[in-house]
Amino acid sequence: MTIAQLLERLEITSRYALVERNGCPVPRESFSVVELAAGDEVVVARPVAGG
C-alpha cells in the first residue's frame, strides 16, 4: 500500500496531510509512490486553523 492509498482509506485529504515514515518526512509529491512495509511507523498530522 502506498501512502496515498492509506490516506484514502483513512478518508484524509492528502492536500492537507503531513506524513512521516519511520521518523522522516515524506514529500507530498511522493505519496503515490512511497510504499509502506510491515513494521513501518507512520505519523499523519493535519494542520488545524483557529483563533
PDB file of N, CA and C in Angstrom:
ATOM      1  N   MET A   1       0.847  -1.166   0.000  1.00  0.00           N
ATOM      2  CA  MET A   1       0.000   0.000   0.000  1.00  0.00           C
ATOM      3  C   MET A   1       0.898   1.237   0.000  1.00  0.00           C
ATOM      4  N   THR A   2       0.509   2.232  -0.763  1.00  0.00           N
ATOM      5  CA  THR A   2       1.244   3.497  -0.781  1.00  0.00           C
ATOM      6  C   THR A   2       0.668   4.430   0.280  1.00  0.00           C
ATOM      7  N   ILE A   3       1.372   5.499   0.541  1.00  0.00           N
ATOM      8  CA  ILE A   3       0.869   6.497   1.490  1.00  0.00           C
ATOM      9  C   ILE A   3      -0.430   7.094   0.976  1.00  0.00           C
ATOM     10  N   ALA A   4      -0.520   7.354  -0.326  1.00  0.00           N
ATOM     11  CA  ALA A   4      -1.750   7.905  -0.904  1.00  0.00           C
ATOM     12  C   ALA A   4      -2.926   6.957  -0.672  1.00  0.00           C
ATOM     13  N   GLN A   5      -2.712   5.663  -0.827  1.00  0.00           N
ATOM     14  CA  GLN A   5      -3.779   4.682  -0.596  1.00  0.00           C
ATOM     15  C   GLN A   5      -4.183   4.641   0.875  1.00  0.00           C
ATOM     16  N   LEU A   6      -3.204   4.747   1.775  1.00  0.00           N
ATOM     17  CA  LEU A   6      -3.505   4.778   3.203  1.00  0.00           C
ATOM     18  C   LEU A   6      -4.356   5.992   3.546  1.00  0.00           C
ATOM     19  N   LEU A   7      -3.971   7.157   3.040  1.00  0.00           N
ATOM     20  CA  LEU A   7      -4.731   8.381   3.315  1.00  0.00           C
ATOM     21  C   LEU A   7      -6.150   8.267   2.772  1.00  0.00           C
ATOM     22  N   GLU A   8      -6.300   7.677   1.596  1.00  0.00           N
ATOM     23  CA  GLU A   8      -7.629   7.481   1.022  1.00  0.00           C
ATOM     24  C   GLU A   8      -8.461   6.570   1.916  1.00  0.00           C
ATOM     25  N   ARG A   9      -7.852   5.489   2.388  1.00  0.00           N
ATOM     26  CA  ARG A   9      -8.558   4.540   3.263  1.00  0.00           C
ATOM     27  C   ARG A   9      -8.990   5.223   4.562  1.00  0.00           C
ATOM     28  N   LEU A  10      -8.152   6.146   5.061  1.00  0.00           N
ATOM     29  CA  LEU A  10      -8.463   6.872   6.293  1.00  0.00           C
ATOM     30  C   LEU A  10      -9.360   8.082   6.045  1.00  0.00           C
ATOM     31  N   GLU A  11      -9.700   8.322   4.781  1.00  0.00           N
ATOM     32  CA  GLU A  11     -10.533   9.452   4.370  1.00  0.00           C
ATOM     33  C   GLU A  11      -9.913  10.790   4.767  1.00  0.00           C
ATOM     34  N   ILE A  12      -8.600  10.893   4.532  1.00  0.00           N
ATOM     35  CA  ILE A  12      -7.864  12.128   4.802  1.00  0.00           C
ATOM     36  C   ILE A  12      -7.428  12.714   3.466  1.00  0.00           C
ATOM     37  N   THR A  13      -7.725  13.981   3.253  1.00  0.00           N
ATOM     38  CA  THR A  13      -7.323  14.658   2.030  1.00  0.00           C
ATOM     39  C   THR A  13      -5.819  14.881   2.050  1.00  0.00           C
ATOM     40  N   SER A  14      -5.118  14.299   1.074  1.00  0.00           N
ATOM     41  CA  SER A  14      -3.655  14.374   1.070  1.00  0.00           C
ATOM     42  C   SER A  14      -3.143  15.805   0.920  1.00  0.00           C
ATOM     43  N   ARG A  15      -3.965  16.683   0.385  1.00  0.00           N
ATOM     44  CA  ARG A  15      -3.541  18.072   0.199  1.00  0.00           C
ATOM     45  C   ARG A  15      -3.178  18.724   1.536  1.00  0.00           C
ATOM     46  N   TYR A  16      -3.860  18.298   2.598  1.00  0.00           N
ATOM     47  CA  TYR A  16      -3.634  18.910   3.899  1.00  0.00           C
ATOM     48  C   TYR A  16      -2.930  17.980   4.886  1.00  0.00           C
ATOM     49  N   ALA A  17      -2.471  16.822   4.445  1.00  0.00           N
ATOM     50  CA  ALA A  17      -1.830  15.866   5.347  1.00  0.00           C
ATOM     51  C   ALA A  17      -0.315  16.062   5.375  1.00  0.00           C
ATOM     52  N   LEU A  18       0.231  15.962   6.559  1.00  0.00           N
ATOM     53  CA  LEU A  18       1.671  15.933   6.753  1.00  0.00           C
ATOM     54  C   LEU A  18       2.002  14.519   7.200  1.00  0.00           C
ATOM     55  N   VAL A  19       2.943  13.871   6.529  1.00  0.00           N
ATOM     56  CA  VAL A  19       3.220  12.461   6.806  1.00  0.00           C
ATOM     57  C   VAL A  19       4.705  12.255   7.086  1.00  0.00           C
ATOM     58  N   GLU A  20       4.971  11.462   8.139  1.00  0.00           N
ATOM     59  CA  GLU A  20       6.320  10.988   8.424  1.00  0.00           C
ATOM     60  C   GLU A  20       6.305   9.471   8.357  1.00  0.00           C
ATOM     61  N   ARG A  21       7.351   8.897   7.779  1.00  0.00           N
ATOM     62  CA  ARG A  21       7.515   7.438   7.766  1.00  0.00           C
ATOM     63  C   ARG A  21       8.845   7.126   8.414  1.00  0.00           C
ATOM     64  N   ASN A  22       8.777   6.362   9.487  1.00  0.00           N
ATOM     65  CA  ASN A  22       9.978   5.996  10.249  1.00  0.00           C
ATOM     66  C   ASN A  22      10.788   7.221  10.663  1.00  0.00           C
ATOM     67  N   GLY A  23      10.079   8.278  11.075  1.00  0.00           N
ATOM     68  CA  GLY A  23      10.730   9.483  11.578  1.00  0.00           C
ATOM     69  C   GLY A  23      11.197  10.465  10.524  1.00  0.00           C
ATOM     70  N   CYS A  24      10.990  10.148   9.241  1.00  0.00           N
ATOM     71  CA  CYS A  24      11.420  11.039   8.154  1.00  0.00           C
ATOM     72  C   CYS A  24      10.209  11.602   7.427  1.00  0.00           C
ATOM     73  N   PRO A  25      10.177  12.917   7.195  1.00  0.00           N
ATOM     74  CA  PRO A  25       9.061  13.495   6.458  1.00  0.00           C
ATOM     75  C   PRO A  25       9.013  12.964   5.023  1.00  0.00           C
ATOM     76  N   VAL A  26       7.799  12.774   4.537  1.00  0.00           N
ATOM     77  CA  VAL A  26       7.595  12.306   3.160  1.00  0.00           C
ATOM     78  C   VAL A  26       7.034  13.476   2.348  1.00  0.00           C
ATOM     79  N   PRO A  27       7.708  13.877   1.279  1.00  0.00           N
ATOM     80  CA  PRO A  27       7.190  14.968   0.453  1.00  0.00           C
ATOM     81  C   PRO A  27       5.828  14.591  -0.152  1.00  0.00           C
ATOM     82  N   ARG A  28       4.927  15.537  -0.157  1.00  0.00           N
ATOM     83  CA  ARG A  28       3.564  15.301  -0.659  1.00  0.00           C
ATOM     84  C   ARG A  28       3.572  14.711  -2.069  1.00  0.00           C
ATOM     85  N   GLU A  29       4.497  15.149  -2.918  1.00  0.00           N
ATOM     86  CA  GLU A  29       4.537  14.645  -4.298  1.00  0.00           C
ATOM     87  C   GLU A  29       4.972  13.184  -4.367  1.00  0.00           C
ATOM     88  N   SER A  30       5.442  12.630  -3.269  1.00  0.00           N
ATOM     89  CA  SER A  30       5.872  11.225  -3.234  1.00  0.00           C
ATOM     90  C   SER A  30       4.824  10.282  -2.646  1.00  0.00           C
ATOM     91  N   PHE A  31       3.705  10.810  -2.173  1.00  0.00           N
ATOM     92  CA  PHE A  31       2.691   9.977  -1.513  1.00  0.00           C
ATOM     93  C   PHE A  31       2.248   8.802  -2.386  1.00  0.00           C
ATOM     94  N   SER A  32       2.151   9.002  -3.685  1.00  0.00           N
ATOM     95  CA  SER A  32       1.632   7.939  -4.559  1.00  0.00           C
ATOM     96  C   SER A  32       2.687   6.902  -4.939  1.00  0.00           C
ATOM     97  N   VAL A  33       3.946   7.158  -4.611  1.00  0.00           N
ATOM     98  CA  VAL A  33       4.995   6.191  -4.986  1.00  0.00           C
ATOM     99  C   VAL A  33       5.692   5.547  -3.789  1.00  0.00           C
ATOM    100  N   VAL A  34       5.570   6.140  -2.609  1.00  0.00           N
ATOM    101  CA  VAL A  34       6.221   5.573  -1.421  1.00  0.00           C
ATOM    102  C   VAL A  34       5.372   4.421  -0.901  1.00  0.00           C
ATOM    103  N   GLU A  35       5.952   3.224  -0.942  1.00  0.00           N
ATOM    104  CA  GLU A  35       5.264   2.011  -0.492  1.00  0.00           C
ATOM    105  C   GLU A  35       5.543   1.782   0.992  1.00  0.00           C
ATOM    106  N   LEU A  36       4.510   1.429   1.727  1.00  0.00           N
ATOM    107  CA  LEU A  36       4.665   1.102   3.136  1.00  0.00           C
ATOM    108  C   LEU A  36       5.004  -0.373   3.284  1.00  0.00           C
ATOM    109  N   ALA A  37       5.851  -0.678   4.263  1.00  0.00           N
ATOM    110  CA  ALA A  37       6.249  -2.061   4.526  1.00  0.00           C
ATOM    111  C   ALA A  37       5.833  -2.431   5.944  1.00  0.00           C
ATOM    112  N   ALA A  38       5.724  -3.717   6.200  1.00  0.00           N
ATOM    113  CA  ALA A  38       5.398  -4.189   7.537  1.00  0.00           C
ATOM    114  C   ALA A  38       6.417  -3.627   8.519  1.00  0.00           C
ATOM    115  N   GLY A  39       5.935  -3.100   9.618  1.00  0.00           N
ATOM    116  CA  GLY A  39       6.819  -2.549  10.636  1.00  0.00           C
ATOM    117  C   GLY A  39       7.105  -1.071  10.497  1.00  0.00           C
ATOM    118  N   ASP A  40       6.707  -0.450   9.376  1.00  0.00           N
ATOM    119  CA  ASP A  40       6.900   0.995   9.223  1.00  0.00           C
ATOM    120  C   ASP A  40       6.077   1.729  10.276  1.00  0.00           C
ATOM    121  N   GLU A  41       6.645   2.795  10.813  1.00  0.00           N
ATOM    122  CA  GLU A  41       5.917   3.659  11.727  1.00  0.00           C
ATOM    123  C   GLU A  41       5.507   4.904  10.951  1.00  0.00           C
ATOM    124  N   VAL A  42       4.202   5.129  10.876  1.00  0.00           N
ATOM    125  CA  VAL A  42       3.671   6.242  10.082  1.00  0.00           C
ATOM    126  C   VAL A  42       2.942   7.204  11.010  1.00  0.00           C
ATOM    127  N   VAL A  43       3.269   8.479  10.869  1.00  0.00           N
ATOM    128  CA  VAL A  43       2.582   9.531  11.608  1.00  0.00           C
ATOM    129  C   VAL A  43       1.906  10.436  10.591  1.00  0.00           C
ATOM    130  N   VAL A  44       0.600  10.642  10.767  1.00  0.00           N
ATOM    131  CA  VAL A  44      -0.168  11.513   9.867  1.00  0.00           C
ATOM    132  C   VAL A  44      -0.711  12.655  10.716  1.00  0.00           C
ATOM    133  N   ALA A  45      -0.444  13.878  10.301  1.00  0.00           N
ATOM    134  CA  ALA A  45      -0.936  15.050  11.004  1.00  0.00           C
ATOM    135  C   ALA A  45      -1.688  15.931  10.029  1.00  0.00           C
ATOM    136  N   ARG A  46      -2.715  16.570  10.541  1.00  0.00           N
ATOM    137  CA  ARG A  46      -3.463  17.533   9.741  1.00  0.00           C
ATOM    138  C   ARG A  46      -3.448  18.857  10.461  1.00  0.00           C
ATOM    139  N   PRO A  47      -2.954  19.914   9.804  1.00  0.00           N
ATOM    140  CA  PRO A  47      -2.939  21.224  10.453  1.00  0.00           C
ATOM    141  C   PRO A  47      -4.353  21.697  10.742  1.00  0.00           C
ATOM    142  N   VAL A  48      -4.502  22.383  11.869  1.00  0.00           N
ATOM    143  CA  VAL A  48      -5.797  22.899  12.258  1.00  0.00           C
ATOM    144  C   VAL A  48      -5.657  24.405  12.479  1.00  0.00           C
ATOM    145  N   ALA A  49      -6.536  25.151  11.845  1.00  0.00           N
ATOM    146  CA  ALA A  49      -6.522  26.606  11.983  1.00  0.00           C
ATOM    147  C   ALA A  49      -7.510  27.010  13.076  1.00  0.00           C
ATOM    148  N   GLY A  50      -7.185  28.022  13.742  1.00  0.00           N
ATOM    149  CA  GLY A  50      -8.099  28.503  14.789  1.00  0.00           C
ATOM    150  C   GLY A  50      -7.673  29.878  15.257  1.00  0.00           C
ATOM    151  N   GLY A  51      -8.392  30.386  16.169  1.00  0.00           N
ATOM    152  CA  GLY A  51      -8.032  31.711  16.624  1.00  0.00           C
ATOM    153  C   GLY A  51      -8.347  31.933  18.044  1.00  0.00           C
TER     154      GLY A  51
END
